[in-house]
C-alpha cells in the first residue's frame, strides 16, 4: 500500500492536478521538494518519467533511486527538458520564491505545465511572509507563466491540520507545512492548487 504524503490534500490533490494538466504517457516530470519520494512513486506508477529533487540529504537517503539532491534555485535539469514540474506544499518555504520559478521556467519546455499547491495569506497585515492570491498570480506572471487554474483547497488544509492534531497532538501541528499553527491563524491562511503554462524559457542571471 502506497504511503500518503505529509501535506494537505495528499495524493488525491496530486491526482487532481494531473487531470487538469492531461500529460501524455511517459511525460517527463520533476517533483521539487520531493521529501521521501511518495509522490514520485505515485507518478511513476501512473506511467510518467518522474524524478524527485530535494535539498535534504536525509530525505534523499529514504526516497529511492529516482530522487536526487538539488536546490530549487538551481534545479539540476537541462533547459527545456521537462514537460511538467510540481511544487507540492514547498514553494512558499523557498527564499526567494522568484528564483525557483525562474528555474522552473528554464527547465520546462514551452507549453510545459507548472503545478503548485501551497499556502496563501488572506490577511495582508501578516508581514508578507506568505503571499496572498494576487501576489502569487504576480509571481507566476513575472516568471513567464500564464495561470490556467487556481482552485481554493482550504478545506484540505483544515482537514490535514485536524488530522495532525488528532493523531499527534499540538507538538506536530506546530510545524504545519513549515509554519507554526499560530502563524497560519494570524495570516488567516488558505490553501490552493494552481496550474500554469510556460510561455517561454526564462533565463536569468542572479546577482
N, C-alpha and C. Protein backbone atom coordinates (compact mmCIF):
# COMPACT_ATOMS: atom_id res chain seq x y z
N UNK A 1 0.83 -1.20 0.00
CA UNK A 1 0.00 0.00 0.00
C UNK A 1 0.88 1.26 0.00
N UNK A 2 0.55 2.20 -0.89
CA UNK A 2 1.36 3.41 -1.02
C UNK A 2 1.19 4.31 0.20
N UNK A 3 2.31 4.90 0.62
CA UNK A 3 2.27 5.87 1.70
C UNK A 3 1.54 7.13 1.24
N UNK A 4 0.95 7.83 2.20
CA UNK A 4 0.29 9.11 1.93
C UNK A 4 1.26 10.23 2.27
N UNK A 5 1.51 11.16 1.33
CA UNK A 5 2.43 12.26 1.63
C UNK A 5 1.92 13.15 2.74
N UNK A 6 2.87 13.75 3.46
CA UNK A 6 2.53 14.59 4.61
C UNK A 6 2.29 16.02 4.17
N UNK A 7 1.15 16.24 3.57
CA UNK A 7 0.77 17.58 3.11
C UNK A 7 -0.73 17.60 2.86
N UNK A 8 -1.32 18.79 2.87
CA UNK A 8 -2.77 18.89 2.63
C UNK A 8 -3.16 18.32 1.27
N UNK A 9 -4.24 17.57 1.26
CA UNK A 9 -4.75 17.02 0.01
C UNK A 9 -4.17 15.69 -0.37
N UNK A 10 -2.92 15.41 0.04
CA UNK A 10 -2.30 14.13 -0.24
C UNK A 10 -2.26 13.78 -1.73
N UNK A 11 -2.26 12.49 -2.01
CA UNK A 11 -2.20 12.01 -3.39
C UNK A 11 -3.46 12.41 -4.17
N UNK A 12 -4.58 12.56 -3.49
CA UNK A 12 -5.80 12.97 -4.19
C UNK A 12 -5.62 14.32 -4.88
N UNK A 13 -4.89 15.24 -4.23
CA UNK A 13 -4.66 16.55 -4.84
C UNK A 13 -3.66 16.44 -5.99
N UNK A 14 -2.67 15.57 -5.87
CA UNK A 14 -1.76 15.31 -7.00
C UNK A 14 -2.54 14.76 -8.18
N UNK A 15 -3.44 13.83 -7.92
CA UNK A 15 -4.25 13.24 -8.98
C UNK A 15 -5.12 14.29 -9.66
N UNK A 16 -5.69 15.21 -8.87
CA UNK A 16 -6.48 16.30 -9.43
C UNK A 16 -5.64 17.18 -10.35
N UNK A 17 -4.41 17.48 -9.93
CA UNK A 17 -3.52 18.31 -10.75
C UNK A 17 -3.20 17.62 -12.07
N UNK A 18 -2.97 16.33 -12.03
CA UNK A 18 -2.66 15.59 -13.26
C UNK A 18 -3.86 15.59 -14.21
N UNK A 19 -5.06 15.50 -13.67
CA UNK A 19 -6.26 15.59 -14.51
C UNK A 19 -6.33 16.93 -15.23
N UNK A 20 -5.98 18.01 -14.52
CA UNK A 20 -6.02 19.33 -15.12
C UNK A 20 -4.95 19.50 -16.19
N UNK A 21 -3.80 18.84 -16.01
CA UNK A 21 -2.69 19.00 -16.96
C UNK A 21 -2.79 18.11 -18.18
N UNK A 22 -3.37 16.93 -18.03
CA UNK A 22 -3.53 15.98 -19.14
C UNK A 22 -2.20 15.69 -19.83
N UNK A 23 -1.17 15.36 -19.04
CA UNK A 23 0.11 14.97 -19.62
C UNK A 23 -0.04 13.67 -20.41
N UNK A 24 0.74 13.53 -21.47
CA UNK A 24 0.74 12.29 -22.22
C UNK A 24 1.53 11.20 -21.52
N UNK A 25 1.33 9.94 -21.93
CA UNK A 25 2.08 8.83 -21.34
C UNK A 25 3.59 9.06 -21.49
N UNK A 26 4.32 8.78 -20.41
CA UNK A 26 5.76 8.93 -20.43
C UNK A 26 6.26 10.36 -20.31
N UNK A 27 5.37 11.31 -20.03
CA UNK A 27 5.80 12.71 -19.87
C UNK A 27 6.88 12.80 -18.80
N UNK A 28 7.85 13.68 -19.05
CA UNK A 28 8.97 13.82 -18.10
C UNK A 28 8.60 14.88 -17.07
N UNK A 29 8.50 14.48 -15.82
CA UNK A 29 8.06 15.34 -14.73
C UNK A 29 9.12 15.39 -13.63
N UNK A 30 9.16 16.52 -12.91
CA UNK A 30 10.05 16.65 -11.76
C UNK A 30 9.23 17.14 -10.57
N UNK A 31 9.43 16.48 -9.43
CA UNK A 31 8.79 16.89 -8.18
C UNK A 31 9.86 17.56 -7.32
N UNK A 32 9.74 18.90 -7.18
CA UNK A 32 10.75 19.66 -6.46
C UNK A 32 10.35 19.77 -4.99
N UNK A 33 11.28 19.39 -4.11
CA UNK A 33 10.95 19.26 -2.69
C UNK A 33 10.21 17.96 -2.46
N UNK A 34 10.76 16.88 -3.02
CA UNK A 34 10.05 15.60 -3.10
C UNK A 34 9.95 14.86 -1.77
N UNK A 35 10.72 15.31 -0.74
CA UNK A 35 10.65 14.61 0.53
C UNK A 35 11.08 13.17 0.41
N UNK A 36 10.26 12.26 0.92
CA UNK A 36 10.63 10.84 0.91
C UNK A 36 10.26 10.14 -0.39
N UNK A 37 9.84 10.90 -1.40
CA UNK A 37 9.60 10.33 -2.73
C UNK A 37 8.24 9.71 -2.94
N UNK A 38 7.30 9.93 -2.03
CA UNK A 38 5.98 9.31 -2.15
C UNK A 38 5.28 9.72 -3.43
N UNK A 39 5.28 11.03 -3.75
CA UNK A 39 4.63 11.49 -4.97
C UNK A 39 5.34 10.97 -6.21
N UNK A 40 6.68 10.90 -6.15
CA UNK A 40 7.43 10.37 -7.29
C UNK A 40 7.03 8.93 -7.56
N UNK A 41 6.91 8.12 -6.52
CA UNK A 41 6.47 6.73 -6.68
C UNK A 41 5.09 6.68 -7.34
N UNK A 42 4.20 7.56 -6.90
CA UNK A 42 2.85 7.60 -7.49
C UNK A 42 2.91 7.98 -8.97
N UNK A 43 3.69 9.02 -9.27
CA UNK A 43 3.79 9.48 -10.66
C UNK A 43 4.37 8.40 -11.57
N UNK A 44 5.39 7.72 -11.11
CA UNK A 44 5.98 6.65 -11.92
C UNK A 44 5.00 5.49 -12.08
N UNK A 45 4.25 5.20 -11.03
CA UNK A 45 3.23 4.16 -11.12
C UNK A 45 2.12 4.52 -12.10
N UNK A 46 1.90 5.81 -12.31
CA UNK A 46 0.89 6.28 -13.26
C UNK A 46 1.42 6.37 -14.69
N UNK A 47 2.68 5.99 -14.89
CA UNK A 47 3.23 5.91 -16.24
C UNK A 47 4.06 7.09 -16.69
N UNK A 48 4.44 7.96 -15.75
CA UNK A 48 5.26 9.12 -16.10
C UNK A 48 6.73 8.87 -15.78
N UNK A 49 7.60 9.56 -16.51
CA UNK A 49 9.03 9.51 -16.25
C UNK A 49 9.33 10.59 -15.22
N UNK A 50 9.17 10.25 -13.96
CA UNK A 50 9.23 11.23 -12.88
C UNK A 50 10.52 11.11 -12.08
N UNK A 51 11.06 12.28 -11.71
CA UNK A 51 12.26 12.36 -10.87
C UNK A 51 11.99 13.34 -9.74
N UNK A 52 12.47 13.03 -8.56
CA UNK A 52 12.33 13.93 -7.42
C UNK A 52 13.63 14.66 -7.13
N UNK A 53 13.49 15.86 -6.58
CA UNK A 53 14.64 16.67 -6.16
C UNK A 53 14.36 17.19 -4.76
N UNK A 54 15.34 17.06 -3.87
CA UNK A 54 15.18 17.59 -2.52
C UNK A 54 16.54 18.04 -2.00
N UNK A 55 16.54 19.11 -1.20
CA UNK A 55 17.79 19.65 -0.66
C UNK A 55 18.23 18.97 0.63
N UNK A 56 17.38 18.13 1.20
CA UNK A 56 17.68 17.47 2.47
C UNK A 56 18.27 16.08 2.21
N UNK A 57 19.56 15.87 2.49
CA UNK A 57 20.17 14.56 2.21
C UNK A 57 19.53 13.42 2.98
N UNK A 58 18.94 13.71 4.14
CA UNK A 58 18.27 12.65 4.90
C UNK A 58 17.04 12.15 4.15
N UNK A 59 16.33 13.05 3.51
CA UNK A 59 15.17 12.66 2.71
C UNK A 59 15.60 11.86 1.48
N UNK A 60 16.64 12.34 0.81
CA UNK A 60 17.11 11.65 -0.39
C UNK A 60 17.54 10.23 -0.06
N UNK A 61 18.13 10.04 1.11
CA UNK A 61 18.56 8.70 1.52
C UNK A 61 17.37 7.75 1.64
N UNK A 62 16.19 8.29 1.93
CA UNK A 62 14.99 7.46 2.09
C UNK A 62 14.15 7.38 0.82
N UNK A 63 14.43 8.26 -0.14
CA UNK A 63 13.48 8.48 -1.23
C UNK A 63 13.59 7.49 -2.38
N UNK A 64 14.68 6.78 -2.49
CA UNK A 64 14.77 5.79 -3.55
C UNK A 64 15.57 6.27 -4.75
N UNK A 65 15.74 5.41 -5.76
CA UNK A 65 16.67 5.66 -6.85
C UNK A 65 16.25 6.75 -7.83
N UNK A 66 15.00 7.18 -7.79
CA UNK A 66 14.54 8.17 -8.75
C UNK A 66 14.49 9.58 -8.16
N UNK A 67 15.18 9.77 -7.05
CA UNK A 67 15.24 11.09 -6.42
C UNK A 67 16.70 11.48 -6.21
N UNK A 68 16.98 12.76 -6.38
CA UNK A 68 18.36 13.22 -6.28
C UNK A 68 18.44 14.52 -5.50
N UNK A 69 19.64 14.81 -4.98
CA UNK A 69 19.86 16.02 -4.20
C UNK A 69 19.95 17.22 -5.14
N UNK A 70 19.36 18.33 -4.71
CA UNK A 70 19.42 19.54 -5.52
C UNK A 70 18.69 20.68 -4.86
N UNK A 71 18.95 21.88 -5.37
CA UNK A 71 18.39 23.12 -4.84
C UNK A 71 17.33 23.62 -5.81
N UNK A 72 16.19 24.04 -5.29
CA UNK A 72 15.12 24.57 -6.14
C UNK A 72 15.53 25.84 -6.86
N UNK A 73 16.57 26.51 -6.37
CA UNK A 73 17.04 27.75 -7.02
C UNK A 73 18.13 27.46 -8.06
N UNK A 74 18.48 26.19 -8.22
CA UNK A 74 19.44 25.76 -9.25
C UNK A 74 19.05 24.32 -9.60
N UNK A 75 17.91 24.16 -10.23
CA UNK A 75 17.33 22.84 -10.47
C UNK A 75 18.22 22.04 -11.42
N UNK A 76 18.56 20.80 -11.06
CA UNK A 76 19.55 20.04 -11.82
C UNK A 76 18.99 19.34 -13.06
N UNK A 77 18.38 20.13 -13.95
CA UNK A 77 17.89 19.63 -15.23
C UNK A 77 18.28 20.61 -16.33
N UNK A 78 18.44 20.09 -17.53
CA UNK A 78 18.81 20.94 -18.67
C UNK A 78 17.65 21.85 -19.06
N UNK A 79 17.99 22.92 -19.75
CA UNK A 79 16.98 23.86 -20.25
C UNK A 79 16.02 23.14 -21.20
N UNK A 80 14.73 23.41 -21.04
CA UNK A 80 13.67 22.87 -21.90
C UNK A 80 13.70 21.35 -21.96
N UNK A 81 13.89 20.72 -20.81
CA UNK A 81 14.00 19.25 -20.77
C UNK A 81 12.82 18.57 -20.08
N UNK A 82 11.88 19.34 -19.52
CA UNK A 82 10.79 18.76 -18.74
C UNK A 82 9.43 19.17 -19.31
N UNK A 83 8.49 18.22 -19.24
CA UNK A 83 7.11 18.51 -19.65
C UNK A 83 6.30 19.12 -18.51
N UNK A 84 6.68 18.82 -17.29
CA UNK A 84 5.93 19.32 -16.14
C UNK A 84 6.77 19.34 -14.89
N UNK A 85 6.36 20.19 -13.95
CA UNK A 85 7.09 20.32 -12.68
C UNK A 85 6.08 20.54 -11.56
N UNK A 86 6.33 19.90 -10.43
CA UNK A 86 5.45 20.01 -9.28
C UNK A 86 6.19 20.64 -8.10
N UNK A 87 5.53 21.57 -7.44
CA UNK A 87 5.96 22.10 -6.14
C UNK A 87 4.78 21.90 -5.20
N UNK A 88 4.82 20.82 -4.42
CA UNK A 88 3.68 20.49 -3.56
C UNK A 88 3.97 20.89 -2.12
N UNK A 89 3.35 21.98 -1.69
CA UNK A 89 3.49 22.48 -0.32
C UNK A 89 4.94 22.76 0.04
N UNK A 90 5.68 23.39 -0.89
CA UNK A 90 7.10 23.65 -0.64
C UNK A 90 7.54 25.02 -1.14
N UNK A 91 6.89 25.57 -2.16
CA UNK A 91 7.39 26.78 -2.81
C UNK A 91 7.42 27.97 -1.87
N UNK A 92 6.44 28.09 -0.97
CA UNK A 92 6.40 29.23 -0.06
C UNK A 92 7.55 29.22 0.94
N UNK A 93 8.24 28.08 1.08
CA UNK A 93 9.37 27.97 2.01
C UNK A 93 10.70 28.32 1.35
N UNK A 94 10.70 28.56 0.04
CA UNK A 94 11.93 28.87 -0.69
C UNK A 94 12.11 30.38 -0.73
N UNK A 95 13.32 30.83 -0.46
CA UNK A 95 13.60 32.26 -0.43
C UNK A 95 14.81 32.58 -1.31
N UNK A 96 14.59 33.41 -2.37
CA UNK A 96 13.32 33.97 -2.80
C UNK A 96 12.55 33.02 -3.71
N UNK A 97 11.23 33.11 -3.65
CA UNK A 97 10.37 32.27 -4.48
C UNK A 97 10.66 32.49 -5.96
N UNK A 98 10.96 33.74 -6.32
CA UNK A 98 11.16 34.07 -7.74
C UNK A 98 12.25 33.21 -8.39
N UNK A 99 13.33 32.95 -7.67
CA UNK A 99 14.42 32.19 -8.26
C UNK A 99 13.98 30.77 -8.61
N UNK A 100 13.18 30.17 -7.74
CA UNK A 100 12.66 28.83 -8.03
C UNK A 100 11.74 28.85 -9.25
N UNK A 101 10.92 29.88 -9.37
CA UNK A 101 10.01 29.97 -10.52
C UNK A 101 10.77 30.23 -11.82
N UNK A 102 11.82 31.07 -11.77
CA UNK A 102 12.63 31.28 -12.96
C UNK A 102 13.31 29.98 -13.39
N UNK A 103 13.77 29.22 -12.41
CA UNK A 103 14.39 27.93 -12.71
C UNK A 103 13.38 26.96 -13.31
N UNK A 104 12.17 26.97 -12.78
CA UNK A 104 11.11 26.12 -13.34
C UNK A 104 10.85 26.48 -14.80
N UNK A 105 10.77 27.78 -15.09
CA UNK A 105 10.53 28.23 -16.46
C UNK A 105 11.69 27.83 -17.38
N UNK A 106 12.90 27.87 -16.85
CA UNK A 106 14.06 27.46 -17.66
C UNK A 106 14.00 25.98 -18.03
N UNK A 107 13.64 25.16 -17.07
CA UNK A 107 13.68 23.70 -17.27
C UNK A 107 12.51 23.18 -18.09
N UNK A 108 11.38 23.88 -18.08
CA UNK A 108 10.20 23.40 -18.79
C UNK A 108 10.27 23.73 -20.27
N UNK A 109 9.72 22.83 -21.08
CA UNK A 109 9.55 23.13 -22.50
C UNK A 109 8.52 24.24 -22.63
N UNK A 110 8.56 25.03 -23.71
CA UNK A 110 7.45 25.97 -23.95
C UNK A 110 6.13 25.19 -24.00
N UNK A 111 5.17 25.64 -23.24
CA UNK A 111 3.91 24.89 -23.11
C UNK A 111 3.93 23.86 -21.99
N UNK A 112 5.08 23.75 -21.30
CA UNK A 112 5.14 22.85 -20.15
C UNK A 112 4.28 23.35 -19.01
N UNK A 113 3.85 22.45 -18.14
CA UNK A 113 2.92 22.79 -17.07
C UNK A 113 3.61 22.82 -15.71
N UNK A 114 3.29 23.85 -14.95
CA UNK A 114 3.76 24.01 -13.57
C UNK A 114 2.59 23.75 -12.63
N UNK A 115 2.79 22.86 -11.68
CA UNK A 115 1.78 22.54 -10.67
C UNK A 115 2.28 23.05 -9.32
N UNK A 116 1.47 23.87 -8.67
CA UNK A 116 1.83 24.38 -7.35
C UNK A 116 0.64 24.20 -6.42
N UNK A 117 0.86 23.52 -5.29
CA UNK A 117 -0.12 23.53 -4.20
C UNK A 117 0.58 24.14 -3.00
N UNK A 118 -0.08 25.12 -2.37
CA UNK A 118 0.63 25.85 -1.32
C UNK A 118 -0.33 26.70 -0.51
N UNK A 119 0.25 27.38 0.47
CA UNK A 119 -0.48 28.27 1.36
C UNK A 119 -0.62 29.65 0.75
N UNK A 120 -1.68 30.36 1.10
CA UNK A 120 -1.77 31.78 0.79
C UNK A 120 -2.36 32.51 1.99
N UNK A 121 -1.96 33.77 2.14
CA UNK A 121 -2.42 34.58 3.27
C UNK A 121 -3.65 35.38 2.87
N UNK A 122 -4.68 35.31 3.70
CA UNK A 122 -5.85 36.16 3.49
C UNK A 122 -5.68 37.51 4.20
N UNK A 123 -4.81 37.56 5.20
CA UNK A 123 -4.63 38.77 6.00
C UNK A 123 -3.30 39.42 5.61
N UNK A 124 -3.37 40.53 4.88
CA UNK A 124 -2.17 41.19 4.37
C UNK A 124 -1.29 41.72 5.49
N UNK A 125 -1.86 42.00 6.64
CA UNK A 125 -1.09 42.57 7.76
C UNK A 125 -0.13 41.57 8.37
N UNK A 126 -0.07 40.35 7.82
CA UNK A 126 0.77 39.31 8.39
C UNK A 126 2.27 39.57 8.17
N UNK A 127 2.62 40.60 7.42
CA UNK A 127 4.03 40.95 7.29
C UNK A 127 4.69 40.41 6.04
N UNK A 128 3.88 39.84 5.15
CA UNK A 128 4.43 39.44 3.87
C UNK A 128 5.16 38.12 3.85
N UNK A 129 5.15 37.34 4.95
CA UNK A 129 5.83 36.05 4.96
C UNK A 129 5.19 35.09 3.98
N UNK A 130 3.90 35.19 3.80
CA UNK A 130 3.18 34.36 2.83
C UNK A 130 2.47 35.26 1.84
N UNK A 131 2.57 34.97 0.53
CA UNK A 131 1.86 35.77 -0.46
C UNK A 131 0.35 35.55 -0.36
N UNK A 132 -0.40 36.57 -0.73
CA UNK A 132 -1.83 36.42 -0.96
C UNK A 132 -2.07 35.95 -2.38
N UNK A 133 -3.32 35.75 -2.76
CA UNK A 133 -3.64 35.24 -4.10
C UNK A 133 -3.10 36.17 -5.18
N UNK A 134 -3.27 37.48 -5.02
CA UNK A 134 -2.79 38.42 -6.04
C UNK A 134 -1.28 38.35 -6.17
N UNK A 135 -0.58 38.22 -5.05
CA UNK A 135 0.88 38.15 -5.09
C UNK A 135 1.36 36.86 -5.76
N UNK A 136 0.67 35.76 -5.48
CA UNK A 136 1.02 34.51 -6.14
C UNK A 136 0.86 34.65 -7.66
N UNK A 137 -0.25 35.24 -8.08
CA UNK A 137 -0.50 35.41 -9.51
C UNK A 137 0.59 36.26 -10.16
N UNK A 138 1.00 37.32 -9.48
CA UNK A 138 2.07 38.18 -10.00
C UNK A 138 3.39 37.41 -10.11
N UNK A 139 3.68 36.58 -9.12
CA UNK A 139 4.92 35.79 -9.16
C UNK A 139 4.95 34.86 -10.37
N UNK A 140 3.84 34.18 -10.65
CA UNK A 140 3.77 33.30 -11.81
C UNK A 140 3.97 34.09 -13.10
N UNK A 141 3.30 35.22 -13.23
CA UNK A 141 3.36 36.02 -14.45
C UNK A 141 4.77 36.54 -14.70
N UNK A 142 5.41 37.06 -13.67
CA UNK A 142 6.77 37.61 -13.82
C UNK A 142 7.77 36.54 -14.24
N UNK A 143 7.54 35.31 -13.86
CA UNK A 143 8.46 34.23 -14.21
C UNK A 143 8.18 33.65 -15.59
N UNK A 144 7.18 34.17 -16.30
CA UNK A 144 6.92 33.71 -17.66
C UNK A 144 5.83 32.67 -17.78
N UNK A 145 4.95 32.59 -16.78
CA UNK A 145 3.85 31.63 -16.79
C UNK A 145 2.51 32.32 -16.98
N UNK A 146 1.59 31.61 -17.61
CA UNK A 146 0.19 32.04 -17.67
C UNK A 146 -0.63 31.10 -16.80
N UNK A 147 -1.35 31.66 -15.87
CA UNK A 147 -2.14 30.86 -14.94
C UNK A 147 -3.35 30.27 -15.65
N UNK A 148 -3.50 28.95 -15.57
CA UNK A 148 -4.64 28.27 -16.18
C UNK A 148 -5.74 27.98 -15.17
N UNK A 149 -5.33 27.59 -13.97
CA UNK A 149 -6.29 27.18 -12.94
C UNK A 149 -5.79 27.64 -11.59
N UNK A 150 -6.68 28.16 -10.77
CA UNK A 150 -6.37 28.48 -9.38
C UNK A 150 -7.57 28.05 -8.56
N UNK A 151 -7.44 26.91 -7.88
CA UNK A 151 -8.53 26.35 -7.09
C UNK A 151 -8.27 26.57 -5.61
N UNK A 152 -9.26 27.04 -4.90
CA UNK A 152 -9.13 27.14 -3.45
C UNK A 152 -9.32 25.76 -2.84
N UNK A 153 -8.33 25.31 -2.09
CA UNK A 153 -8.37 24.00 -1.45
C UNK A 153 -8.18 24.13 0.06
N UNK A 154 -8.71 25.20 0.63
CA UNK A 154 -8.53 25.45 2.06
C UNK A 154 -9.11 24.34 2.92
N UNK A 155 -10.14 23.66 2.41
CA UNK A 155 -10.71 22.54 3.17
C UNK A 155 -9.67 21.45 3.38
N UNK A 156 -8.75 21.27 2.40
CA UNK A 156 -7.69 20.27 2.56
C UNK A 156 -6.74 20.64 3.69
N UNK A 157 -6.46 21.94 3.83
CA UNK A 157 -5.60 22.41 4.91
C UNK A 157 -6.26 22.17 6.26
N UNK A 158 -7.54 22.47 6.37
CA UNK A 158 -8.26 22.27 7.63
C UNK A 158 -8.30 20.80 8.02
N UNK A 159 -8.57 19.94 7.03
CA UNK A 159 -8.64 18.51 7.32
C UNK A 159 -7.27 17.95 7.72
N UNK A 160 -6.22 18.45 7.06
CA UNK A 160 -4.87 17.99 7.38
C UNK A 160 -4.47 18.43 8.79
N UNK A 161 -4.76 19.69 9.12
CA UNK A 161 -4.44 20.20 10.46
C UNK A 161 -5.20 19.42 11.53
N UNK A 162 -6.47 19.14 11.27
CA UNK A 162 -7.28 18.39 12.23
C UNK A 162 -6.74 16.98 12.42
N UNK A 163 -6.30 16.36 11.32
CA UNK A 163 -5.74 15.01 11.42
C UNK A 163 -4.45 15.00 12.23
N UNK A 164 -3.57 16.01 11.98
CA UNK A 164 -2.34 16.08 12.75
C UNK A 164 -2.61 16.25 14.24
N UNK A 165 -3.56 17.14 14.56
CA UNK A 165 -3.90 17.37 15.96
C UNK A 165 -4.46 16.10 16.60
N UNK A 166 -5.29 15.40 15.86
CA UNK A 166 -5.90 14.18 16.39
C UNK A 166 -4.87 13.08 16.58
N UNK A 167 -3.99 12.90 15.56
CA UNK A 167 -3.03 11.79 15.58
C UNK A 167 -1.83 12.05 16.48
N UNK A 168 -1.36 13.31 16.52
CA UNK A 168 -0.06 13.56 17.13
C UNK A 168 -0.04 14.68 18.15
N UNK A 169 -1.13 15.40 18.29
CA UNK A 169 -1.18 16.45 19.30
C UNK A 169 -0.61 17.77 18.82
N UNK A 170 -0.61 18.75 19.70
CA UNK A 170 -0.21 20.11 19.36
C UNK A 170 1.22 20.22 18.86
N UNK A 171 2.09 19.35 19.36
CA UNK A 171 3.51 19.46 19.02
C UNK A 171 3.73 19.34 17.52
N UNK A 172 3.09 18.35 16.88
CA UNK A 172 3.27 18.16 15.45
C UNK A 172 2.58 19.25 14.65
N UNK A 173 1.46 19.76 15.15
CA UNK A 173 0.76 20.82 14.43
C UNK A 173 1.51 22.13 14.48
N UNK A 174 2.53 22.21 15.35
CA UNK A 174 3.35 23.42 15.39
C UNK A 174 4.28 23.55 14.19
N UNK A 175 4.36 22.51 13.37
CA UNK A 175 5.11 22.58 12.12
C UNK A 175 4.21 22.09 11.00
N UNK A 176 3.31 22.97 10.59
CA UNK A 176 2.30 22.63 9.59
C UNK A 176 2.69 23.27 8.27
N UNK A 177 3.14 22.44 7.33
CA UNK A 177 3.64 22.95 6.04
C UNK A 177 4.79 23.92 6.24
N UNK A 178 5.58 23.70 7.30
CA UNK A 178 6.74 24.53 7.55
C UNK A 178 6.48 25.76 8.39
N UNK A 179 5.24 25.97 8.81
CA UNK A 179 4.88 27.13 9.61
C UNK A 179 4.20 26.68 10.90
N UNK A 180 4.31 27.52 11.93
CA UNK A 180 3.61 27.24 13.17
C UNK A 180 2.12 27.51 13.01
N UNK A 181 1.31 26.79 13.75
CA UNK A 181 -0.13 26.93 13.60
C UNK A 181 -0.61 28.33 14.01
N UNK A 182 0.08 28.96 14.96
CA UNK A 182 -0.29 30.33 15.34
C UNK A 182 -0.01 31.30 14.20
N UNK A 183 1.08 31.05 13.45
CA UNK A 183 1.39 31.89 12.28
C UNK A 183 0.28 31.76 11.23
N UNK A 184 -0.14 30.54 10.99
CA UNK A 184 -1.17 30.31 9.97
C UNK A 184 -2.49 30.96 10.37
N UNK A 185 -2.80 30.90 11.65
CA UNK A 185 -4.02 31.55 12.12
C UNK A 185 -3.92 33.06 11.97
N UNK A 186 -2.74 33.62 12.30
CA UNK A 186 -2.55 35.06 12.20
C UNK A 186 -2.70 35.54 10.77
N UNK A 187 -2.28 34.71 9.82
CA UNK A 187 -2.38 35.07 8.40
C UNK A 187 -3.75 34.72 7.82
N UNK A 188 -4.63 34.09 8.62
CA UNK A 188 -5.91 33.57 8.12
C UNK A 188 -5.66 32.76 6.84
N UNK A 189 -4.78 31.78 6.95
CA UNK A 189 -4.26 31.07 5.79
C UNK A 189 -5.30 30.22 5.08
N UNK A 190 -5.18 30.23 3.78
CA UNK A 190 -5.89 29.30 2.93
C UNK A 190 -4.89 28.43 2.19
N UNK A 191 -5.40 27.53 1.36
CA UNK A 191 -4.57 26.62 0.60
C UNK A 191 -5.10 26.57 -0.82
N UNK A 192 -4.20 26.41 -1.81
CA UNK A 192 -4.65 26.45 -3.20
C UNK A 192 -3.94 25.39 -4.03
N UNK A 193 -4.53 25.10 -5.18
CA UNK A 193 -3.90 24.33 -6.24
C UNK A 193 -3.89 25.21 -7.48
N UNK A 194 -2.71 25.42 -8.05
CA UNK A 194 -2.58 26.22 -9.27
C UNK A 194 -1.89 25.41 -10.35
N UNK A 195 -2.35 25.59 -11.58
CA UNK A 195 -1.67 25.04 -12.75
C UNK A 195 -1.39 26.21 -13.69
N UNK A 196 -0.13 26.33 -14.11
CA UNK A 196 0.27 27.41 -15.01
C UNK A 196 1.04 26.81 -16.18
N UNK A 197 1.03 27.51 -17.30
CA UNK A 197 1.71 27.05 -18.51
C UNK A 197 2.88 27.97 -18.81
N UNK A 198 4.00 27.37 -19.19
CA UNK A 198 5.19 28.14 -19.52
C UNK A 198 5.08 28.66 -20.95
N UNK A 199 5.20 29.97 -21.12
CA UNK A 199 5.11 30.57 -22.44
C UNK A 199 6.46 30.61 -23.15
N UNK A 200 7.50 30.87 -22.39
CA UNK A 200 8.86 30.93 -22.95
C UNK A 200 9.82 30.37 -21.91
N UNK A 201 11.00 30.05 -22.36
CA UNK A 201 12.04 29.68 -21.41
C UNK A 201 12.67 30.95 -20.87
N UNK A 202 12.58 31.15 -19.56
CA UNK A 202 13.08 32.36 -18.94
C UNK A 202 14.48 32.09 -18.41
N UNK A 203 15.46 32.80 -18.91
CA UNK A 203 16.84 32.67 -18.43
C UNK A 203 17.17 33.88 -17.59
N UNK A 204 17.75 33.66 -16.41
CA UNK A 204 18.06 34.77 -15.52
C UNK A 204 19.52 34.64 -15.04
N UNK A 205 20.16 35.76 -14.90
CA UNK A 205 21.46 35.83 -14.23
C UNK A 205 21.20 36.38 -12.84
N UNK A 206 21.57 35.65 -11.82
CA UNK A 206 21.30 36.08 -10.45
C UNK A 206 22.52 36.82 -9.92
N UNK A 207 22.26 37.96 -9.30
CA UNK A 207 23.35 38.76 -8.74
C UNK A 207 23.57 38.33 -7.28
